[in-house]
Amino acid sequence: MQLINKKCKPCEGGIPKLTSPEIQLLNSQLKTPWTVIDDMKITRDFHFKDFLHTIIFVNKLAEIAEVEGHHPVMHVYYSKVQVELWTHAILGLSENDFIIAAKTDRMFESL
């Protein structure tokens, strides 16, 4: 099943972090691969023409995060949002992070 069609699973810890090969495999399934940092988190910058479009993106991503129960860190600038994903409960990456990344990418393309 494609990442875009999956639903995040609640994570309270107790599951292993993804390994480097697992991270590479899931990242390759994203339409636009995200930057992997130390096999601990993924990040991507999204650019917009103005602040209003930046905030529209932030609000839509907040809706995705609430539905999925998995929340990114967002650094908001005038015409850019840097999104960081990792699973806090395991201090590393899980499949949930790549599910949110896939849904974020699709939403960004629809703006």
C-alpha atoms as a PDB file:
ATOM      1  CA  MET A   1       0.000   0.000   0.000  1.00  0.00           C
ATOM      2  CA  GLN A   2       1.284   3.470  -0.860  1.00  0.00           C
ATOM      3  CA  LEU A   3       2.219   5.819   1.977  1.00  0.00           C
ATOM      4  CA  ILE A   4      -0.398   8.340   0.857  1.00  0.00           C
ATOM      5  CA  ASN A   5      -3.155   5.763   1.471  1.00  0.00           C
ATOM      6  CA  LYS A   6      -1.973   4.725   4.937  1.00  0.00           C
ATOM      7  CA  LYS A   7      -3.121   6.055   8.297  1.00  0.00           C
ATOM      8  CA  CYS A   8      -0.749   6.875  11.152  1.00  0.00           C
ATOM      9  CA  LYS A   9      -0.747   4.408  14.023  1.00  0.00           C
ATOM     10  CA  PRO A  10      -0.614   5.686  17.613  1.00  0.00           C
ATOM     11  CA  CYS A  11       2.904   5.441  19.016  1.00  0.00           C
ATOM     12  CA  GLU A  12       3.543   5.605  22.733  1.00  0.00           C
ATOM     13  CA  GLY A  13       7.038   4.155  22.422  1.00  0.00           C
ATOM     14  CA  GLY A  14       8.174   0.574  22.658  1.00  0.00           C
ATOM     15  CA  ILE A  15       8.675   0.187  18.914  1.00  0.00           C
ATOM     16  CA  PRO A  16      12.088   0.285  17.277  1.00  0.00           C
ATOM     17  CA  LYS A  17      13.250   3.275  15.260  1.00  0.00           C
ATOM     18  CA  LEU A  18      13.546   2.724  11.536  1.00  0.00           C
ATOM     19  CA  THR A  19      16.928   1.540  10.342  1.00  0.00           C
ATOM     20  CA  SER A  20      18.914   3.403   7.707  1.00  0.00           C
ATOM     21  CA  PRO A  21      17.855   0.986   4.917  1.00  0.00           C
ATOM     22  CA  GLU A  22      14.191   1.262   5.989  1.00  0.00           C
ATOM     23  CA  ILE A  23      14.471   5.065   5.995  1.00  0.00           C
ATOM     24  CA  GLN A  24      15.999   5.070   2.512  1.00  0.00           C
ATOM     25  CA  LEU A  25      13.269   2.766   1.201  1.00  0.00           C
ATOM     26  CA  LEU A  26      10.418   4.873   2.604  1.00  0.00           C
ATOM     27  CA  ASN A  27      12.050   8.140   1.518  1.00  0.00           C
ATOM     28  CA  SER A  28      12.344   6.773  -2.030  1.00  0.00           C
ATOM     29  CA  GLN A  29       8.570   6.256  -2.038  1.00  0.00           C
ATOM     30  CA  LEU A  30       7.934   9.987  -1.555  1.00  0.00           C
ATOM     31  CA  LYS A  31       7.253  11.995  -4.685  1.00  0.00           C
ATOM     32  CA  THR A  32       9.920  14.458  -3.532  1.00  0.00           C
ATOM     33  CA  PRO A  33      12.477  12.827  -1.197  1.00  0.00           C
ATOM     34  CA  TRP A  34      12.940  14.694   2.068  1.00  0.00           C
ATOM     35  CA  THR A  35      16.311  15.461   3.646  1.00  0.00           C
ATOM     36  CA  VAL A  36      17.251  12.820   6.220  1.00  0.00           C
ATOM     37  CA  ILE A  37      19.195  14.122   9.198  1.00  0.00           C
ATOM     38  CA  ASP A  38      21.283  11.577  11.144  1.00  0.00           C
ATOM     39  CA  ASP A  39      18.615   8.891  10.548  1.00  0.00           C
ATOM     40  CA  MET A  40      16.666  10.725  13.287  1.00  0.00           C
ATOM     41  CA  LYS A  41      14.371  13.106  11.414  1.00  0.00           C
ATOM     42  CA  ILE A  42      13.302  14.217   7.966  1.00  0.00           C
ATOM     43  CA  THR A  43      12.884  17.785   6.806  1.00  0.00           C
ATOM     44  CA  ARG A  44      11.740  19.725   3.768  1.00  0.00           C
ATOM     45  CA  ASP A  45      11.402  23.423   2.944  1.00  0.00           C
ATOM     46  CA  PHE A  46       8.250  24.643   1.204  1.00  0.00           C
ATOM     47  CA  HIS A  47       8.327  28.026  -0.555  1.00  0.00           C
ATOM     48  CA  PHE A  48       5.404  30.376  -1.241  1.00  0.00           C
ATOM     49  CA  LYS A  49       4.782  33.630  -3.051  1.00  0.00           C
ATOM     50  CA  ASP A  50       3.675  35.505   0.067  1.00  0.00           C
ATOM     51  CA  PHE A  51       2.774  35.234   3.738  1.00  0.00           C
ATOM     52  CA  LEU A  52      -0.911  34.510   3.113  1.00  0.00           C
ATOM     53  CA  HIS A  53      -0.062  31.388   1.090  1.00  0.00           C
ATOM     54  CA  THR A  54       2.441  30.372   3.779  1.00  0.00           C
ATOM     55  CA  ILE A  55      -0.284  30.471   6.433  1.00  0.00           C
ATOM     56  CA  ILE A  56      -2.775  28.613   4.232  1.00  0.00           C
ATOM     57  CA  PHE A  57      -0.207  25.802   3.979  1.00  0.00           C
ATOM     58  CA  VAL A  58       0.405  25.825   7.754  1.00  0.00           C
ATOM     59  CA  ASN A  59      -3.334  25.585   8.467  1.00  0.00           C
ATOM     60  CA  LYS A  60      -3.844  22.743   5.992  1.00  0.00           C
ATOM     61  CA  LEU A  61      -0.874  20.848   7.435  1.00  0.00           C
ATOM     62  CA  ALA A  62      -2.302  21.358  10.928  1.00  0.00           C
ATOM     63  CA  GLU A  63      -5.541  19.719   9.736  1.00  0.00           C
ATOM     64  CA  ILE A  64      -3.633  16.727   8.340  1.00  0.00           C
ATOM     65  CA  ALA A  65      -1.674  16.395  11.588  1.00  0.00           C
ATOM     66  CA  GLU A  66      -4.835  16.455  13.708  1.00  0.00           C
ATOM     67  CA  VAL A  67      -6.591  13.844  11.572  1.00  0.00           C
ATOM     68  CA  GLU A  68      -3.526  11.589  11.660  1.00  0.00           C
ATOM     69  CA  GLY A  69      -2.631  12.226  15.298  1.00  0.00           C
ATOM     70  CA  HIS A  70       0.998  12.844  14.324  1.00  0.00           C
ATOM     71  CA  HIS A  71       2.342  16.387  14.460  1.00  0.00           C
ATOM     72  CA  PRO A  72       5.308  17.979  12.701  1.00  0.00           C
ATOM     73  CA  VAL A  73       7.486  20.815  13.875  1.00  0.00           C
ATOM     74  CA  MET A  74       7.002  23.813  11.608  1.00  0.00           C
ATOM     75  CA  HIS A  75       9.332  26.799  11.333  1.00  0.00           C
ATOM     76  CA  VAL A  76       7.282  29.552   9.716  1.00  0.00           C
ATOM     77  CA  TYR A  77       8.839  32.440   7.793  1.00  0.00           C
ATOM     78  CA  TYR A  78       7.351  35.053   5.484  1.00  0.00           C
ATOM     79  CA  SER A  79       7.374  32.892   2.353  1.00  0.00           C
ATOM     80  CA  LYS A  80       8.782  29.580   3.595  1.00  0.00           C
ATOM     81  CA  VAL A  81       7.866  26.799   5.979  1.00  0.00           C
ATOM     82  CA  GLN A  82      10.439  24.282   7.099  1.00  0.00           C
ATOM     83  CA  VAL A  83       8.728  21.064   8.180  1.00  0.00           C
ATOM     84  CA  GLU A  84      10.507  18.579  10.441  1.00  0.00           C
ATOM     85  CA  LEU A  85       9.185  15.123  11.226  1.00  0.00           C
ATOM     86  CA  TRP A  86      10.257  12.505  13.725  1.00  0.00           C
ATOM     87  CA  THR A  87       8.494  10.317  16.234  1.00  0.00           C
ATOM     88  CA  HIS A  88       9.115  11.852  19.634  1.00  0.00           C
ATOM     89  CA  ALA A  89       8.106   8.741  21.597  1.00  0.00           C
ATOM     90  CA  ILE A  90      10.956   6.726  20.053  1.00  0.00           C
ATOM     91  CA  LEU A  91      13.392   9.604  19.437  1.00  0.00           C
ATOM     92  CA  GLY A  92      13.718   8.637  15.801  1.00  0.00           C
ATOM     93  CA  LEU A  93      11.818   7.912  12.633  1.00  0.00           C
ATOM     94  CA  SER A  94       8.769   5.701  12.201  1.00  0.00           C
ATOM     95  CA  GLU A  95       6.537   4.993   9.218  1.00  0.00           C
ATOM     96  CA  ASN A  96       4.175   7.685  10.547  1.00  0.00           C
ATOM     97  CA  ASP A  97       6.708  10.361   9.631  1.00  0.00           C
ATOM     98  CA  PHE A  98       6.763   9.246   6.010  1.00  0.00           C
ATOM     99  CA  ILE A  99       2.964   9.013   5.898  1.00  0.00           C
ATOM    100  CA  ILE A 100       2.725  12.655   7.016  1.00  0.00           C
ATOM    101  CA  ALA A 101       5.462  13.621   4.544  1.00  0.00           C
ATOM    102  CA  ALA A 102       3.541  11.992   1.666  1.00  0.00           C
ATOM    103  CA  LYS A 103       0.302  13.716   2.675  1.00  0.00           C
ATOM    104  CA  THR A 104       2.107  17.040   3.086  1.00  0.00           C
ATOM    105  CA  ASP A 105       3.612  16.757  -0.398  1.00  0.00           C
ATOM    106  CA  ARG A 106       0.233  15.968  -1.949  1.00  0.00           C
ATOM    107  CA  MET A 107      -1.426  18.873  -0.152  1.00  0.00           C
ATOM    108  CA  PHE A 108       1.357  21.258  -1.240  1.00  0.00           C
ATOM    109  CA  GLU A 109       0.885  20.230  -4.878  1.00  0.00           C
ATOM    110  CA  SER A 110      -2.829  21.028  -4.646  1.00  0.00           C
ATOM    111  CA  LEU A 111      -2.315  24.631  -3.469  1.00  0.00           C
END
